[in-house]
Amino acid sequence: MVHNPSRFALAIGALVCAMAITASAETPQQAFARHWQGKAVVLKQSLYTLVYNERGRLGNMRNNRRDGLTVVTPSNGVYYQFDGRQGRDEVMQRQPTGMVEAVDVAYQPDSLDVRAYRKVEPIVINRYDPGAELVIGRVQIERDIVRLAFVQSAGADTDDPLTSLTVKWPVPLSKSLSEADILEGLIRQFFDFAAPTR
C-alpha cells in the first residue's frame, strides 16, 4: 500500500497548528485580567492605602511600603483589610480610619520573640478620592479573589502600586469564571473608564 506523503505532511501540519492554537488559547482568568490591565480610570468611590515600614526576619527595614485596603464582596459590602504577614492574621475593619491603630496593635512585639522589634510600623492612610485618575497596572486572580492594582500612569512600576481594589468571592472562583459579570459589576462601582486623550 502506497501512502501519499503530501497528504500525510498536511495532516501532521494541521495537527501541529491545532495543538499550537490550543496551547496559546487564553484561560477565562487571563482574558478577564487582560480586559482591565492598562486601562485609565476615574474613581467614583474612594480607595484607601496603608503606608507602613516593615522589618524583615533578618532585621532589614523596608520603608514606605503601600498596601491597598479596600475589599468589596457580593454579599458583605465593603470593608478594609491589611493582609497578614510574618505569622500574623489579617487586620479587618469596617471603617478605614481605624486601620492605623488596629495594625499598630496587631503588630506589637511578642514577649516570646527573640528580637523584640516591631515587624510592621503603620504610618498613615492615603486616600484616593472620587475624580482621581489612575491606571490599572496589574490584575491578579487567585482562588477566591480578584485584585486590581492601580498605578499613577501607564508604564509605571506595577510592583509598587499606589493602591488596590480587592473583590473577595465567598467560595472559590470557577475555572470558567462564570462569575465574571458579577465581578465586573462590583469592580465598576469604584470607577469609570477615563475618556481617551487626543
Protein backbone atom coordinates (compact mmCIF):
# COMPACT_ATOMS: atom_id res chain seq x y z
CA MET A 1 0.00 0.00 0.00
CA VAL A 2 1.45 3.37 -1.06
CA HIS A 3 0.93 6.40 1.22
CA ASN A 4 0.62 9.87 -0.19
CA PRO A 5 3.49 11.81 1.51
CA SER A 6 1.98 15.22 0.83
CA ARG A 7 -1.37 14.24 2.40
CA PHE A 8 0.47 12.83 5.43
CA ALA A 9 2.56 16.01 5.81
CA LEU A 10 -0.59 18.13 5.51
CA ALA A 11 -2.32 16.11 8.25
CA ILE A 12 0.71 16.46 10.55
CA GLY A 13 0.86 20.21 9.85
CA ALA A 14 -2.83 20.63 10.71
CA LEU A 15 -2.36 18.66 13.93
CA VAL A 16 0.63 20.80 14.97
CA CYS A 17 -1.34 24.01 14.22
CA ALA A 18 -4.33 22.80 16.24
CA MET A 19 -2.07 21.96 19.19
CA ALA A 20 -0.36 25.36 19.00
CA ILE A 21 -3.72 27.19 18.95
CA THR A 22 -4.95 25.15 21.93
CA ALA A 23 -1.72 25.78 23.87
CA SER A 24 -1.84 29.55 23.22
CA ALA A 25 -5.56 29.98 23.97
CA GLU A 26 -6.28 32.25 26.92
CA THR A 27 -7.96 30.96 30.02
CA PRO A 28 -11.06 32.89 31.13
CA GLN A 29 -8.97 34.33 34.00
CA GLN A 30 -6.27 35.58 31.62
CA ALA A 31 -8.88 37.14 29.32
CA PHE A 32 -10.58 38.85 32.27
CA ALA A 33 -7.24 40.26 33.51
CA ARG A 34 -6.25 41.43 30.01
CA HIS A 35 -9.59 43.27 29.65
CA TRP A 36 -8.75 45.50 32.65
CA GLN A 37 -4.96 45.88 32.56
CA GLY A 38 -3.61 49.18 31.28
CA LYS A 39 -7.00 50.93 31.35
CA ALA A 40 -7.08 54.55 32.57
CA VAL A 41 -9.88 55.12 35.08
CA VAL A 42 -11.53 57.90 37.08
CA LEU A 43 -12.54 56.94 40.61
CA LYS A 44 -16.21 57.13 41.67
CA GLN A 45 -15.55 55.96 45.25
CA SER A 46 -12.52 56.45 47.48
CA LEU A 47 -9.80 53.83 47.68
CA TYR A 48 -7.57 53.57 50.75
CA THR A 49 -3.94 52.52 51.19
CA LEU A 50 -1.90 51.88 54.33
CA VAL A 51 1.64 53.28 54.18
CA TYR A 52 3.95 51.41 56.57
CA ASN A 53 7.52 50.35 57.33
CA GLU A 54 8.27 46.64 57.53
CA ARG A 55 11.23 44.97 59.19
CA GLY A 56 12.10 41.58 57.68
CA ARG A 57 13.07 38.42 59.53
CA LEU A 58 16.75 39.33 59.21
CA GLY A 59 16.16 42.83 60.59
CA ASN A 60 16.37 44.72 57.30
CA MET A 61 13.92 47.64 57.09
CA ARG A 62 11.77 48.44 54.04
CA ASN A 63 10.32 51.94 54.35
CA ASN A 64 7.15 53.49 52.93
CA ARG A 65 5.60 50.31 51.63
CA ARG A 66 1.98 50.54 50.45
CA ASP A 67 -0.91 48.09 50.61
CA GLY A 68 -4.38 48.83 49.27
CA LEU A 69 -7.03 48.16 51.89
CA THR A 70 -10.38 48.30 50.07
CA VAL A 71 -12.25 44.98 49.76
CA VAL A 72 -15.68 44.58 48.17
CA THR A 73 -17.85 41.45 48.37
CA PRO A 74 -21.09 40.41 46.66
CA SER A 75 -22.95 39.94 49.96
CA ASN A 76 -20.93 41.53 52.78
CA GLY A 77 -20.47 45.04 51.38
CA VAL A 78 -17.18 46.92 51.63
CA TYR A 79 -14.57 46.53 54.35
CA TYR A 80 -10.86 47.31 54.78
CA GLN A 81 -8.19 44.68 55.19
CA PHE A 82 -4.43 44.66 55.76
CA ASP A 83 -3.15 41.22 54.75
CA GLY A 84 -1.33 39.32 57.46
CA ARG A 85 2.42 38.79 57.24
CA GLN A 86 5.19 37.25 59.31
CA GLY A 87 2.79 34.86 61.02
CA ARG A 88 0.14 37.45 61.91
CA ASP A 89 -3.55 37.38 60.96
CA GLU A 90 -5.28 39.82 58.64
CA VAL A 91 -6.46 43.07 60.21
CA MET A 92 -10.03 43.88 59.16
CA GLN A 93 -12.10 46.99 59.90
CA ARG A 94 -15.42 48.37 58.69
CA GLN A 95 -14.03 51.92 58.56
CA PRO A 96 -10.61 52.86 57.13
CA THR A 97 -9.98 55.46 59.84
CA GLY A 98 -9.23 52.80 62.46
CA MET A 99 -6.72 50.86 60.38
CA VAL A 100 -3.52 52.59 61.59
CA GLU A 101 -4.37 51.89 65.23
CA ALA A 102 -5.61 48.36 64.54
CA VAL A 103 -2.44 47.41 62.61
CA ASP A 104 -0.31 49.06 65.30
CA VAL A 105 -1.95 46.89 67.98
CA ALA A 106 -1.80 43.70 65.87
CA TYR A 107 1.94 44.09 65.24
CA GLN A 108 3.11 44.83 68.79
CA PRO A 109 6.22 42.73 69.52
CA ASP A 110 5.54 39.40 71.24
CA SER A 111 7.22 38.69 74.54
CA LEU A 112 8.30 35.36 73.03
CA ASP A 113 10.08 36.96 70.06
CA VAL A 114 13.84 36.57 70.10
CA ARG A 115 14.13 40.08 68.65
CA ALA A 116 11.67 42.44 70.33
CA TYR A 117 11.27 44.90 67.47
CA ARG A 118 8.18 45.94 65.57
CA LYS A 119 7.71 43.97 62.36
CA VAL A 120 5.23 46.44 60.87
CA GLU A 121 5.03 50.14 61.74
CA PRO A 122 1.91 51.75 60.24
CA ILE A 123 2.48 55.38 59.28
CA VAL A 124 -0.57 56.86 57.57
CA ILE A 125 -3.64 56.11 55.45
CA ASN A 126 -3.56 57.53 51.91
CA ARG A 127 -6.96 58.18 50.35
CA TYR A 128 -7.61 58.42 46.60
CA ASP A 129 -10.84 60.37 46.22
CA PRO A 130 -13.53 60.39 43.52
CA GLY A 131 -12.24 62.20 40.45
CA ALA A 132 -8.68 60.87 40.85
CA GLU A 133 -7.29 59.47 37.61
CA LEU A 134 -5.33 56.20 37.88
CA VAL A 135 -4.29 53.33 35.62
CA ILE A 136 -4.93 49.65 36.29
CA GLY A 137 -1.41 48.30 36.31
CA ARG A 138 -1.96 44.67 37.17
CA VAL A 139 -4.84 42.24 37.75
CA GLN A 140 -4.26 39.24 39.98
CA ILE A 141 -6.77 36.39 40.15
CA GLU A 142 -6.38 33.81 42.89
CA ARG A 143 -8.55 31.13 44.45
CA ASP A 144 -11.35 33.41 45.69
CA ILE A 145 -10.14 36.95 44.97
CA VAL A 146 -9.62 39.35 42.10
CA ARG A 147 -7.21 42.22 42.90
CA LEU A 148 -6.73 45.28 40.70
CA ALA A 149 -3.55 47.25 41.43
CA PHE A 150 -3.57 50.92 40.44
CA VAL A 151 -0.57 53.00 39.36
CA GLN A 152 -0.19 56.72 38.61
CA SER A 153 0.27 56.40 34.85
CA ALA A 154 0.73 53.88 32.04
CA GLY A 155 4.18 52.32 32.15
CA ALA A 156 4.61 52.93 35.91
CA ASP A 157 6.13 50.20 38.10
CA THR A 158 3.34 47.66 38.68
CA ASP A 159 5.31 46.05 41.53
CA ASP A 160 4.80 49.18 43.66
CA PRO A 161 1.17 50.22 43.09
CA LEU A 162 -0.41 53.27 44.74
CA THR A 163 -3.47 51.38 45.88
CA SER A 164 -5.62 48.37 45.03
CA LEU A 165 -9.18 47.10 44.99
CA THR A 166 -9.87 43.51 46.01
CA VAL A 167 -13.05 41.61 45.17
CA LYS A 168 -13.49 38.78 47.70
CA TRP A 169 -15.72 35.95 46.47
CA PRO A 170 -17.42 33.77 49.14
CA VAL A 171 -16.34 30.47 47.53
CA PRO A 172 -13.51 29.51 45.13
CA LEU A 173 -13.94 31.07 41.69
CA SER A 174 -14.96 28.64 38.93
CA LYS A 175 -12.48 27.53 36.28
CA SER A 176 -14.77 29.01 33.61
CA LEU A 177 -15.03 32.27 35.59
CA SER A 178 -18.80 32.16 35.23
CA GLU A 179 -18.86 34.91 37.91
CA ALA A 180 -17.25 37.43 35.52
CA ASP A 181 -20.37 39.62 35.07
CA ILE A 182 -20.95 39.96 38.82
CA LEU A 183 -17.22 40.61 39.41
CA GLU A 184 -17.32 43.34 36.77
CA GLY A 185 -20.36 44.93 38.40
CA LEU A 186 -18.61 45.01 41.79
CA ILE A 187 -15.45 46.48 40.27
CA ARG A 188 -17.29 49.13 38.25
CA GLN A 189 -18.88 50.56 41.43
CA PHE A 190 -15.49 52.16 42.09
CA PHE A 191 -14.55 53.80 38.79
CA ASP A 192 -15.44 54.77 35.23
CA PHE A 193 -13.07 54.40 32.31
CA ALA A 194 -11.30 57.68 31.59
CA ALA A 195 -12.11 59.48 28.34
CA PRO A 196 -9.41 58.79 25.74
CA THR A 197 -6.84 61.57 25.38
CA ARG A 198 -6.42 63.19 21.97
